[in-house]
């Protein structure tokens, strides 16, 4: 681009000295500017962090829910056997699961 500017300045200087006419200057400048390709102006680049890809090995959202329910059922059964009362064991497991869900949502918020 600097070469083109220098050539235009050289043509202007020649025109001012009277070495070339106004028409010759306009024609030479036009030919010179035709050689320049149009530039595409892009918006400034903004960094966007790469999106995380879900692992094919990890269970989907429904798989995670199913695993959680199965674990809660197993824990209820084991606690019921240890305590001797399935109702109290279910209440205990439901309370622990609710506490885990509340803690997970608080972690997502902050």
PDB file of N, CA and C in Angstrom:
ATOM      1  N   UNK A   1       0.825  -1.184   0.000  1.00  0.00           N
ATOM      2  CA  UNK A   1       0.000   0.000   0.000  1.00  0.00           C
ATOM      3  C   UNK A   1       0.870   1.249   0.000  1.00  0.00           C
ATOM      4  N   UNK A   2       1.996   1.206   0.672  1.00  0.00           N
ATOM      5  CA  UNK A   2       2.887   2.351   0.732  1.00  0.00           C
ATOM      6  C   UNK A   2       3.421   2.684  -0.664  1.00  0.00           C
ATOM      7  N   UNK A   3       3.670   1.679  -1.476  1.00  0.00           N
ATOM      8  CA  UNK A   3       4.173   1.893  -2.824  1.00  0.00           C
ATOM      9  C   UNK A   3       3.153   2.673  -3.644  1.00  0.00           C
ATOM     10  N   UNK A   4       1.885   2.347  -3.477  1.00  0.00           N
ATOM     11  CA  UNK A   4       0.819   3.041  -4.215  1.00  0.00           C
ATOM     12  C   UNK A   4       0.740   4.498  -3.766  1.00  0.00           C
ATOM     13  N   UNK A   5       0.830   4.751  -2.466  1.00  0.00           N
ATOM     14  CA  UNK A   5       0.815   6.135  -1.980  1.00  0.00           C
ATOM     15  C   UNK A   5       2.006   6.926  -2.529  1.00  0.00           C
ATOM     16  N   UNK A   6       3.161   6.294  -2.550  1.00  0.00           N
ATOM     17  CA  UNK A   6       4.345   6.969  -3.090  1.00  0.00           C
ATOM     18  C   UNK A   6       4.168   7.292  -4.567  1.00  0.00           C
ATOM     19  N   UNK A   7       3.574   6.379  -5.310  1.00  0.00           N
ATOM     20  CA  UNK A   7       3.337   6.617  -6.737  1.00  0.00           C
ATOM     21  C   UNK A   7       2.346   7.761  -6.949  1.00  0.00           C
ATOM     22  N   UNK A   8       1.298   7.804  -6.118  1.00  0.00           N
ATOM     23  CA  UNK A   8       0.332   8.911  -6.226  1.00  0.00           C
ATOM     24  C   UNK A   8       1.007  10.225  -5.875  1.00  0.00           C
ATOM     25  N   UNK A   9       1.838  10.248  -4.869  1.00  0.00           N
ATOM     26  CA  UNK A   9       2.560  11.475  -4.517  1.00  0.00           C
ATOM     27  C   UNK A   9       3.500  11.906  -5.653  1.00  0.00           C
ATOM     28  N   UNK A  10       4.137  10.931  -6.276  1.00  0.00           N
ATOM     29  CA  UNK A  10       5.013  11.244  -7.400  1.00  0.00           C
ATOM     30  C   UNK A  10       4.229  11.838  -8.554  1.00  0.00           C
ATOM     31  N   UNK A  11       3.027  11.277  -8.831  1.00  0.00           N
ATOM     32  CA  UNK A  11       2.177  11.815  -9.893  1.00  0.00           C
ATOM     33  C   UNK A  11       1.700  13.229  -9.555  1.00  0.00           C
ATOM     34  N   UNK A  12       1.325  13.471  -8.288  1.00  0.00           N
ATOM     35  CA  UNK A  12       0.887  14.807  -7.876  1.00  0.00           C
ATOM     36  C   UNK A  12       2.015  15.823  -8.017  1.00  0.00           C
ATOM     37  N   UNK A  13       3.205  15.396  -7.634  1.00  0.00           N
ATOM     38  CA  UNK A  13       4.357  16.306  -7.756  1.00  0.00           C
ATOM     39  C   UNK A  13       4.618  16.633  -9.227  1.00  0.00           C
ATOM     40  N   UNK A  14       4.488  15.620 -10.109  1.00  0.00           N
ATOM     41  CA  UNK A  14       4.691  15.851 -11.539  1.00  0.00           C
ATOM     42  C   UNK A  14       3.608  16.775 -12.093  1.00  0.00           C
ATOM     43  N   UNK A  15       2.384  16.628 -11.621  1.00  0.00           N
ATOM     44  CA  UNK A  15       1.285  17.495 -12.062  1.00  0.00           C
ATOM     45  C   UNK A  15       1.521  18.933 -11.618  1.00  0.00           C
ATOM     46  N   UNK A  16       1.972  19.098 -10.350  1.00  0.00           N
ATOM     47  CA  UNK A  16       2.224  20.446  -9.830  1.00  0.00           C
ATOM     48  C   UNK A  16       3.385  21.130 -10.568  1.00  0.00           C
ATOM     49  N   UNK A  17       4.379  20.352 -10.975  1.00  0.00           N
ATOM     50  CA  UNK A  17       5.507  20.909 -11.721  1.00  0.00           C
ATOM     51  C   UNK A  17       5.118  21.218 -13.159  1.00  0.00           C
ATOM     52  N   UNK A  18       4.018  20.611 -13.614  1.00  0.00           N
ATOM     53  CA  UNK A  18       3.583  20.826 -14.988  1.00  0.00           C
ATOM     54  C   UNK A  18       4.107  19.783 -15.949  1.00  0.00           C
ATOM     55  N   UNK A  19       4.724  18.715 -15.437  1.00  0.00           N
ATOM     56  CA  UNK A  19       5.248  17.663 -16.307  1.00  0.00           C
ATOM     57  C   UNK A  19       4.130  16.868 -16.980  1.00  0.00           C
ATOM     58  N   UNK A  20       3.005  16.704 -16.281  1.00  0.00           N
ATOM     59  CA  UNK A  20       1.853  16.007 -16.875  1.00  0.00           C
ATOM     60  C   UNK A  20       0.625  16.880 -16.718  1.00  0.00           C
ATOM     61  N   UNK A  21      -0.344  16.662 -17.621  1.00  0.00           N
ATOM     62  CA  UNK A  21      -1.579  17.469 -17.576  1.00  0.00           C
ATOM     63  C   UNK A  21      -2.534  16.895 -16.537  1.00  0.00           C
ATOM     64  N   UNK A  22      -3.575  17.648 -16.286  1.00  0.00           N
ATOM     65  CA  UNK A  22      -4.598  17.220 -15.328  1.00  0.00           C
ATOM     66  C   UNK A  22      -5.263  15.925 -15.798  1.00  0.00           C
ATOM     67  N   UNK A  23      -5.539  15.797 -17.085  1.00  0.00           N
ATOM     68  CA  UNK A  23      -6.181  14.604 -17.644  1.00  0.00           C
ATOM     69  C   UNK A  23      -5.248  13.394 -17.521  1.00  0.00           C
ATOM     70  N   UNK A  24      -3.969  13.587 -17.830  1.00  0.00           N
ATOM     71  CA  UNK A  24      -3.010  12.483 -17.697  1.00  0.00           C
ATOM     72  C   UNK A  24      -2.879  12.040 -16.240  1.00  0.00           C
ATOM     73  N   UNK A  25      -2.883  13.030 -15.331  1.00  0.00           N
ATOM     74  CA  UNK A  25      -2.818  12.713 -13.896  1.00  0.00           C
ATOM     75  C   UNK A  25      -4.022  11.880 -13.479  1.00  0.00           C
ATOM     76  N   UNK A  26      -5.229  12.312 -13.885  1.00  0.00           N
ATOM     77  CA  UNK A  26      -6.452  11.592 -13.510  1.00  0.00           C
ATOM     78  C   UNK A  26      -6.449  10.175 -14.085  1.00  0.00           C
ATOM     79  N   UNK A  27      -5.977  10.047 -15.341  1.00  0.00           N
ATOM     80  CA  UNK A  27      -5.950   8.724 -15.968  1.00  0.00           C
ATOM     81  C   UNK A  27      -4.933   7.807 -15.274  1.00  0.00           C
ATOM     82  N   UNK A  28      -3.750   8.319 -14.976  1.00  0.00           N
ATOM     83  CA  UNK A  28      -2.718   7.512 -14.319  1.00  0.00           C
ATOM     84  C   UNK A  28      -3.140   7.124 -12.904  1.00  0.00           C
ATOM     85  N   UNK A  29      -3.743   8.077 -12.214  1.00  0.00           N
ATOM     86  CA  UNK A  29      -4.211   7.791 -10.852  1.00  0.00           C
ATOM     87  C   UNK A  29      -5.329   6.751 -10.878  1.00  0.00           C
ATOM     88  N   UNK A  30      -6.242   6.859 -11.851  1.00  0.00           N
ATOM     89  CA  UNK A  30      -7.323   5.884 -11.982  1.00  0.00           C
ATOM     90  C   UNK A  30      -6.798   4.483 -12.249  1.00  0.00           C
ATOM     91  N   UNK A  31      -5.805   4.368 -13.184  1.00  0.00           N
ATOM     92  CA  UNK A  31      -5.212   3.061 -13.466  1.00  0.00           C
ATOM     93  C   UNK A  31      -4.518   2.484 -12.236  1.00  0.00           C
ATOM     94  N   UNK A  32      -3.869   3.362 -11.500  1.00  0.00           N
ATOM     95  CA  UNK A  32      -3.167   2.918 -10.297  1.00  0.00           C
ATOM     96  C   UNK A  32      -4.141   2.417  -9.232  1.00  0.00           C
ATOM     97  N   UNK A  33      -5.234   3.144  -9.043  1.00  0.00           N
ATOM     98  CA  UNK A  33      -6.213   2.740  -8.029  1.00  0.00           C
ATOM     99  C   UNK A  33      -6.997   1.495  -8.435  1.00  0.00           C
ATOM    100  N   UNK A  34      -7.097   1.230  -9.740  1.00  0.00           N
ATOM    101  CA  UNK A  34      -7.786   0.019 -10.197  1.00  0.00           C
ATOM    102  C   UNK A  34      -7.002  -1.246  -9.842  1.00  0.00           C
ATOM    103  N   UNK A  35      -5.697  -1.096  -9.646  1.00  0.00           N
ATOM    104  CA  UNK A  35      -4.881  -2.269  -9.318  1.00  0.00           C
ATOM    105  C   UNK A  35      -5.059  -2.696  -7.862  1.00  0.00           C
ATOM    106  N   UNK A  36      -5.647  -1.804  -7.048  1.00  0.00           N
ATOM    107  CA  UNK A  36      -5.836  -2.110  -5.631  1.00  0.00           C
ATOM    108  C   UNK A  36      -7.093  -2.943  -5.470  1.00  0.00           C
ATOM    109  N   UNK A  37      -6.972  -4.051  -4.760  1.00  0.00           N
ATOM    110  CA  UNK A  37      -8.139  -4.895  -4.501  1.00  0.00           C
ATOM    111  C   UNK A  37      -8.983  -4.281  -3.398  1.00  0.00           C
ATOM    112  N   UNK A  38     -10.290  -4.521  -3.483  1.00  0.00           N
ATOM    113  CA  UNK A  38     -11.180  -4.039  -2.428  1.00  0.00           C
ATOM    114  C   UNK A  38     -10.901  -4.804  -1.157  1.00  0.00           C
ATOM    115  N   UNK A  39     -10.815  -4.082  -0.072  1.00  0.00           N
ATOM    116  CA  UNK A  39     -10.548  -4.707   1.226  1.00  0.00           C
ATOM    117  C   UNK A  39     -11.864  -4.952   1.946  1.00  0.00           C
ATOM    118  N   UNK A  40     -11.964  -6.077   2.597  1.00  0.00           N
ATOM    119  CA  UNK A  40     -13.118  -6.383   3.419  1.00  0.00           C
ATOM    120  C   UNK A  40     -12.768  -6.028   4.856  1.00  0.00           C
ATOM    121  N   UNK A  41     -13.580  -5.150   5.432  1.00  0.00           N
ATOM    122  CA  UNK A  41     -13.326  -4.720   6.809  1.00  0.00           C
ATOM    123  C   UNK A  41     -14.145  -5.607   7.730  1.00  0.00           C
ATOM    124  N   UNK A  42     -13.458  -6.287   8.619  1.00  0.00           N
ATOM    125  CA  UNK A  42     -14.113  -7.189   9.563  1.00  0.00           C
ATOM    126  C   UNK A  42     -14.266  -6.496  10.903  1.00  0.00           C
ATOM    127  N   UNK A  43     -15.300  -6.854  11.674  1.00  0.00           N
ATOM    128  CA  UNK A  43     -15.415  -6.279  13.013  1.00  0.00           C
ATOM    129  C   UNK A  43     -14.264  -6.753  13.881  1.00  0.00           C
ATOM    130  N   UNK A  44     -13.955  -6.026  14.927  1.00  0.00           N
ATOM    131  CA  UNK A  44     -12.842  -6.442  15.797  1.00  0.00           C
ATOM    132  C   UNK A  44     -13.101  -7.826  16.374  1.00  0.00           C
ATOM    133  N   UNK A  45     -12.026  -8.584  16.494  1.00  0.00           N
ATOM    134  CA  UNK A  45     -12.121  -9.959  16.979  1.00  0.00           C
ATOM    135  C   UNK A  45     -12.405  -9.964  18.475  1.00  0.00           C
ATOM    136  N   UNK A  46     -13.396 -10.723  18.863  1.00  0.00           N
ATOM    137  CA  UNK A  46     -13.704 -10.911  20.281  1.00  0.00           C
ATOM    138  C   UNK A  46     -13.498 -12.383  20.603  1.00  0.00           C
ATOM    139  N   UNK A  47     -12.710 -12.620  21.633  1.00  0.00           N
ATOM    140  CA  UNK A  47     -12.431 -13.998  22.020  1.00  0.00           C
ATOM    141  C   UNK A  47     -13.671 -14.633  22.600  1.00  0.00           C
ATOM    142  N   UNK A  48     -13.990 -15.779  22.086  1.00  0.00           N
ATOM    143  CA  UNK A  48     -15.117 -16.557  22.606  1.00  0.00           C
ATOM    144  C   UNK A  48     -14.568 -17.890  23.078  1.00  0.00           C
ATOM    145  N   UNK A  49     -14.743 -18.195  24.358  1.00  0.00           N
ATOM    146  CA  UNK A  49     -14.186 -19.454  24.842  1.00  0.00           C
ATOM    147  C   UNK A  49     -14.822 -20.630  24.112  1.00  0.00           C
ATOM    148  N   UNK A  50     -14.045 -21.673  23.879  1.00  0.00           N
ATOM    149  CA  UNK A  50     -14.591 -22.829  23.173  1.00  0.00           C
ATOM    150  C   UNK A  50     -15.709 -23.485  23.974  1.00  0.00           C
ATOM    151  N   UNK A  51     -16.701 -23.938  23.243  1.00  0.00           N
ATOM    152  CA  UNK A  51     -17.821 -24.600  23.913  1.00  0.00           C
ATOM    153  C   UNK A  51     -17.397 -25.988  24.364  1.00  0.00           C
ATOM    154  N   UNK A  52     -17.898 -26.355  25.525  1.00  0.00           N
ATOM    155  CA  UNK A  52     -17.561 -27.670  26.059  1.00  0.00           C
ATOM    156  C   UNK A  52     -18.388 -28.722  25.344  1.00  0.00           C
ATOM    157  N   UNK A  53     -17.729 -29.784  24.952  1.00  0.00           N
ATOM    158  CA  UNK A  53     -18.397 -30.892  24.301  1.00  0.00           C
ATOM    159  C   UNK A  53     -18.743 -31.947  25.344  1.00  0.00           C
ATOM    160  N   UNK A  54     -19.952 -32.465  25.255  1.00  0.00           N
ATOM    161  CA  UNK A  54     -20.364 -33.518  26.175  1.00  0.00           C
ATOM    162  C   UNK A  54     -19.615 -34.799  25.825  1.00  0.00           C
ATOM    163  N   UNK A  55     -19.134 -35.439  26.841  1.00  0.00           N
ATOM    164  CA  UNK A  55     -18.403 -36.689  26.628  1.00  0.00           C
ATOM    165  C   UNK A  55     -19.394 -37.786  26.262  1.00  0.00           C
ATOM    166  N   UNK A  56     -18.990 -38.601  25.309  1.00  0.00           N
ATOM    167  CA  UNK A  56     -19.861 -39.710  24.895  1.00  0.00           C
ATOM    168  C   UNK A  56     -19.925 -40.789  25.969  1.00  0.00           C
ATOM    169  N   UNK A  57     -18.926 -40.832  26.864  1.00  0.00           N
ATOM    170  CA  UNK A  57     -18.877 -41.867  27.894  1.00  0.00           C
ATOM    171  C   UNK A  57     -19.788 -41.524  29.076  1.00  0.00           C
ATOM    172  N   UNK A  58     -20.052 -40.231  29.292  1.00  0.00           N
ATOM    173  CA  UNK A  58     -20.867 -39.816  30.438  1.00  0.00           C
ATOM    174  C   UNK A  58     -22.349 -40.034  30.136  1.00  0.00           C
ATOM    175  N   UNK A  59     -23.130 -40.388  31.149  1.00  0.00           N
ATOM    176  CA  UNK A  59     -24.568 -40.563  30.910  1.00  0.00           C
ATOM    177  C   UNK A  59     -25.223 -39.213  30.644  1.00  0.00           C
ATOM    178  N   UNK A  60     -26.291 -39.217  29.874  1.00  0.00           N
ATOM    179  CA  UNK A  60     -27.035 -37.988  29.590  1.00  0.00           C
ATOM    180  C   UNK A  60     -27.805 -37.543  30.819  1.00  0.00           C
ATOM    181  N   UNK A  61     -28.614 -36.493  30.690  1.00  0.00           N
ATOM    182  CA  UNK A  61     -29.353 -35.989  31.855  1.00  0.00           C
ATOM    183  C   UNK A  61     -30.329 -37.021  32.418  1.00  0.00           C
ATOM    184  N   UNK A  62     -30.965 -37.791  31.553  1.00  0.00           N
ATOM    185  CA  UNK A  62     -31.910 -38.797  32.057  1.00  0.00           C
ATOM    186  C   UNK A  62     -31.168 -39.958  32.689  1.00  0.00           C
ATOM    187  N   UNK A  63     -29.996 -40.264  32.175  1.00  0.00           N
ATOM    188  CA  UNK A  63     -29.191 -41.331  32.775  1.00  0.00           C
ATOM    189  C   UNK A  63     -28.733 -40.952  34.174  1.00  0.00           C
ATOM    190  N   UNK A  64     -28.376 -39.681  34.350  1.00  0.00           N
ATOM    191  CA  UNK A  64     -27.946 -39.214  35.667  1.00  0.00           C
ATOM    192  C   UNK A  64     -29.106 -39.266  36.666  1.00  0.00           C
ATOM    193  N   UNK A  65     -30.287 -38.869  36.221  1.00  0.00           N
ATOM    194  CA  UNK A  65     -31.473 -38.934  37.093  1.00  0.00           C
ATOM    195  C   UNK A  65     -31.776 -40.381  37.462  1.00  0.00           C
ATOM    196  N   UNK A  66     -31.706 -41.269  36.497  1.00  0.00           N
ATOM    197  CA  UNK A  66     -31.984 -42.681  36.763  1.00  0.00           C
ATOM    198  C   UNK A  66     -30.972 -43.258  37.748  1.00  0.00           C
ATOM    199  N   UNK A  67     -29.689 -42.924  37.564  1.00  0.00           N
ATOM    200  CA  UNK A  67     -28.656 -43.407  38.489  1.00  0.00           C
ATOM    201  C   UNK A  67     -28.909 -42.860  39.889  1.00  0.00           C
ATOM    202  N   UNK A  68     -29.285 -41.574  39.977  1.00  0.00           N
ATOM    203  CA  UNK A  68     -29.579 -40.974  41.284  1.00  0.00           C
ATOM    204  C   UNK A  68     -30.759 -41.652  41.976  1.00  0.00           C
ATOM    205  N   UNK A  69     -31.822 -41.941  41.220  1.00  0.00           N
ATOM    206  CA  UNK A  69     -32.991 -42.613  41.811  1.00  0.00           C
ATOM    207  C   UNK A  69     -32.650 -44.035  42.257  1.00  0.00           C
ATOM    208  N   UNK A  70     -31.869 -44.737  41.446  1.00  0.00           N
ATOM    209  CA  UNK A  70     -31.477 -46.096  41.829  1.00  0.00           C
ATOM    210  C   UNK A  70     -30.607 -46.085  43.089  1.00  0.00           C
ATOM    211  N   UNK A  71     -29.686 -45.129  43.177  1.00  0.00           N
ATOM    212  CA  UNK A  71     -28.843 -45.025  44.366  1.00  0.00           C
ATOM    213  C   UNK A  71     -29.675 -44.667  45.600  1.00  0.00           C
ATOM    214  N   UNK A  72     -30.664 -43.745  45.420  1.00  0.00           N
ATOM    215  CA  UNK A  72     -31.526 -43.379  46.546  1.00  0.00           C
ATOM    216  C   UNK A  72     -32.350 -44.586  47.001  1.00  0.00           C
ATOM    217  N   UNK A  73     -32.849 -45.375  46.042  1.00  0.00           N
ATOM    218  CA  UNK A  73     -33.603 -46.575  46.398  1.00  0.00           C
ATOM    219  C   UNK A  73     -32.742 -47.586  47.126  1.00  0.00           C
ATOM    220  N   UNK A  74     -31.530 -47.802  46.653  1.00  0.00           N
ATOM    221  CA  UNK A  74     -30.616 -48.730  47.307  1.00  0.00           C
ATOM    222  C   UNK A  74     -30.251 -48.247  48.705  1.00  0.00           C
ATOM    223  N   UNK A  75     -29.987 -46.938  48.835  1.00  0.00           N
ATOM    224  CA  UNK A  75     -29.657 -46.380  50.148  1.00  0.00           C
ATOM    225  C   UNK A  75     -30.845 -46.501  51.109  1.00  0.00           C
ATOM    226  N   UNK A  76     -32.058 -46.296  50.580  1.00  0.00           N
ATOM    227  CA  UNK A  76     -33.252 -46.451  51.423  1.00  0.00           C
ATOM    228  C   UNK A  76     -33.376 -47.892  51.909  1.00  0.00           C
ATOM    229  N   UNK A  77     -33.157 -48.843  51.014  1.00  0.00           N
ATOM    230  CA  UNK A  77     -33.255 -50.252  51.403  1.00  0.00           C
ATOM    231  C   UNK A  77     -32.210 -50.618  52.460  1.00  0.00           C
ATOM    232  N   UNK A  78     -30.956 -50.175  52.239  1.00  0.00           N
ATOM    233  CA  UNK A  78     -29.881 -50.498  53.190  1.00  0.00           C
ATOM    234  C   UNK A  78     -30.152 -49.830  54.541  1.00  0.00           C
ATOM    235  N   UNK A  79     -30.565 -48.528  54.506  1.00  0.00           N
ATOM    236  CA  UNK A  79     -30.853 -47.824  55.768  1.00  0.00           C
ATOM    237  C   UNK A  79     -32.051 -48.474  56.468  1.00  0.00           C
ATOM    238  N   UNK A  80     -33.049 -48.912  55.708  1.00  0.00           N
ATOM    239  CA  UNK A  80     -34.208 -49.591  56.296  1.00  0.00           C
ATOM    240  C   UNK A  80     -33.803 -50.884  56.980  1.00  0.00           C
ATOM    241  N   UNK A  81     -32.869 -51.613  56.417  1.00  0.00           N
ATOM    242  CA  UNK A  81     -32.390 -52.842  57.036  1.00  0.00           C
ATOM    243  C   UNK A  81     -31.613 -52.552  58.315  1.00  0.00           C
ATOM    244  N   UNK A  82     -30.800 -51.477  58.283  1.00  0.00           N
ATOM    245  CA  UNK A  82     -30.014 -51.128  59.472  1.00  0.00           C
ATOM    246  C   UNK A  82     -30.881 -50.559  60.586  1.00  0.00           C
ATOM    247  N   UNK A  83     -31.806 -49.655  60.235  1.00  0.00           N
ATOM    248  CA  UNK A  83     -32.645 -49.007  61.254  1.00  0.00           C
ATOM    249  C   UNK A  83     -33.772 -49.930  61.699  1.00  0.00           C
ATOM    250  N   UNK A  84     -34.307 -50.675  60.751  1.00  0.00           N
ATOM    251  CA  UNK A  84     -35.404 -51.574  61.087  1.00  0.00           C
ATOM    252  C   UNK A  84     -36.757 -50.994  60.706  1.00  0.00           C
ATOM    253  N   UNK A  85     -36.801 -49.751  60.170  1.00  0.00           N
ATOM    254  CA  UNK A  85     -38.063 -49.124  59.797  1.00  0.00           C
ATOM    255  C   UNK A  85     -37.848 -48.442  58.438  1.00  0.00           C
ATOM    256  N   UNK A  86     -38.574 -48.918  57.423  1.00  0.00           N
ATOM    257  CA  UNK A  86     -38.387 -48.400  56.067  1.00  0.00           C
ATOM    258  C   UNK A  86     -38.890 -46.968  55.926  1.00  0.00           C
ATOM    259  N   UNK A  87     -39.921 -46.588  56.696  1.00  0.00           N
ATOM    260  CA  UNK A  87     -40.471 -45.227  56.627  1.00  0.00           C
ATOM    261  C   UNK A  87     -39.458 -44.205  57.128  1.00  0.00           C
ATOM    262  N   UNK A  88     -38.816 -44.485  58.226  1.00  0.00           N
ATOM    263  CA  UNK A  88     -37.797 -43.579  58.762  1.00  0.00           C
ATOM    264  C   UNK A  88     -36.599 -43.534  57.796  1.00  0.00           C
ATOM    265  N   UNK A  89     -36.235 -44.663  57.225  1.00  0.00           N
ATOM    266  CA  UNK A  89     -35.117 -44.714  56.281  1.00  0.00           C
ATOM    267  C   UNK A  89     -35.436 -43.880  55.035  1.00  0.00           C
ATOM    268  N   UNK A  90     -36.671 -43.970  54.541  1.00  0.00           N
ATOM    269  CA  UNK A  90     -37.072 -43.178  53.373  1.00  0.00           C
ATOM    270  C   UNK A  90     -37.024 -41.686  53.687  1.00  0.00           C
ATOM    271  N   UNK A  91     -37.507 -41.307  54.864  1.00  0.00           N
ATOM    272  CA  UNK A  91     -37.476 -39.906  55.273  1.00  0.00           C
ATOM    273  C   UNK A  91     -36.039 -39.395  55.360  1.00  0.00           C
ATOM    274  N   UNK A  92     -35.169 -40.195  55.915  1.00  0.00           N
ATOM    275  CA  UNK A  92     -33.762 -39.825  56.029  1.00  0.00           C
ATOM    276  C   UNK A  92     -33.118 -39.657  54.651  1.00  0.00           C
ATOM    277  N   UNK A  93     -33.340 -40.589  53.754  1.00  0.00           N
ATOM    278  CA  UNK A  93     -32.748 -40.527  52.411  1.00  0.00           C
ATOM    279  C   UNK A  93     -33.324 -39.343  51.625  1.00  0.00           C
ATOM    280  N   UNK A  94     -34.631 -39.105  51.734  1.00  0.00           N
ATOM    281  CA  UNK A  94     -35.253 -37.975  51.038  1.00  0.00           C
ATOM    282  C   UNK A  94     -34.686 -36.652  51.535  1.00  0.00           C
ATOM    283  N   UNK A  95     -34.447 -36.539  52.827  1.00  0.00           N
ATOM    284  CA  UNK A  95     -33.877 -35.321  53.402  1.00  0.00           C
ATOM    285  C   UNK A  95     -32.443 -35.104  52.906  1.00  0.00           C
ATOM    286  N   UNK A  96     -31.656 -36.161  52.866  1.00  0.00           N
ATOM    287  CA  UNK A  96     -30.268 -36.046  52.387  1.00  0.00           C
ATOM    288  C   UNK A  96     -30.253 -35.666  50.905  1.00  0.00           C
ATOM    289  N   UNK A  97     -31.111 -36.285  50.110  1.00  0.00           N
ATOM    290  CA  UNK A  97     -31.179 -35.956  48.677  1.00  0.00           C
ATOM    291  C   UNK A  97     -31.611 -34.503  48.468  1.00  0.00           C
ATOM    292  N   UNK A  98     -32.578 -34.029  49.246  1.00  0.00           N
ATOM    293  CA  UNK A  98     -33.015 -32.632  49.137  1.00  0.00           C
ATOM    294  C   UNK A  98     -31.876 -31.685  49.499  1.00  0.00           C
ATOM    295  N   UNK A  99     -31.109 -32.026  50.523  1.00  0.00           N
ATOM    296  CA  UNK A  99     -29.970 -31.190  50.917  1.00  0.00           C
ATOM    297  C   UNK A  99     -28.914 -31.146  49.804  1.00  0.00           C
ATOM    298  N   UNK A 100     -28.693 -32.255  49.143  1.00  0.00           N
ATOM    299  CA  UNK A 100     -27.725 -32.295  48.036  1.00  0.00           C
ATOM    300  C   UNK A 100     -28.201 -31.426  46.875  1.00  0.00           C
ATOM    301  N   UNK A 101     -29.489 -31.498  46.555  1.00  0.00           N
ATOM    302  CA  UNK A 101     -30.041 -30.684  45.467  1.00  0.00           C
ATOM    303  C   UNK A 101     -29.946 -29.196  45.798  1.00  0.00           C
ATOM    304  N   UNK A 102     -30.280 -28.814  47.024  1.00  0.00           N
ATOM    305  CA  UNK A 102     -30.195 -27.409  47.433  1.00  0.00           C
ATOM    306  C   UNK A 102     -28.747 -26.922  47.357  1.00  0.00           C
ATOM    307  N   UNK A 103     -27.812 -27.728  47.805  1.00  0.00           N
ATOM    308  CA  UNK A 103     -26.398 -27.346  47.741  1.00  0.00           C
ATOM    309  C   UNK A 103     -25.929 -27.193  46.296  1.00  0.00           C
ATOM    310  N   UNK A 104     -26.409 -28.069  45.418  1.00  0.00           N
ATOM    311  CA  UNK A 104     -26.028 -27.978  44.009  1.00  0.00           C
ATOM    312  C   UNK A 104     -26.566 -26.704  43.376  1.00  0.00           C
ATOM    313  N   UNK A 105     -27.820 -26.344  43.693  1.00  0.00           N
ATOM    314  CA  UNK A 105     -28.380 -25.104  43.131  1.00  0.00           C
ATOM    315  C   UNK A 105     -27.684 -23.864  43.690  1.00  0.00           C
ATOM    316  N   UNK A 106     -27.313 -23.891  44.944  1.00  0.00           N
ATOM    317  CA  UNK A 106     -26.572 -22.748  45.511  1.00  0.00           C
ATOM    318  C   UNK A 106     -25.210 -22.593  44.841  1.00  0.00           C
ATOM    319  N   UNK A 107     -24.593 -23.705  44.535  1.00  0.00           N
ATOM    320  CA  UNK A 107     -23.291 -23.656  43.873  1.00  0.00           C
ATOM    321  C   UNK A 107     -23.425 -23.107  42.456  1.00  0.00           C
ATOM    322  N   UNK A 108     -24.524 -23.440  41.774  1.00  0.00           N
ATOM    323  CA  UNK A 108     -24.757 -22.919  40.439  1.00  0.00           C
ATOM    324  C   UNK A 108     -24.998 -21.402  40.457  1.00  0.00           C
ATOM    325  N   UNK A 109     -25.647 -20.888  41.496  1.00  0.00           N
ATOM    326  CA  UNK A 109     -25.948 -19.469  41.590  1.00  0.00           C
ATOM    327  C   UNK A 109     -24.700 -18.629  41.801  1.00  0.00           C
ATOM    328  N   UNK A 110     -23.802 -19.086  42.629  1.00  0.00           N
ATOM    329  CA  UNK A 110     -22.709 -18.218  43.037  1.00  0.00           C
ATOM    330  C   UNK A 110     -21.410 -18.597  42.534  1.00  0.00           C
TER     331      UNK A 110
END
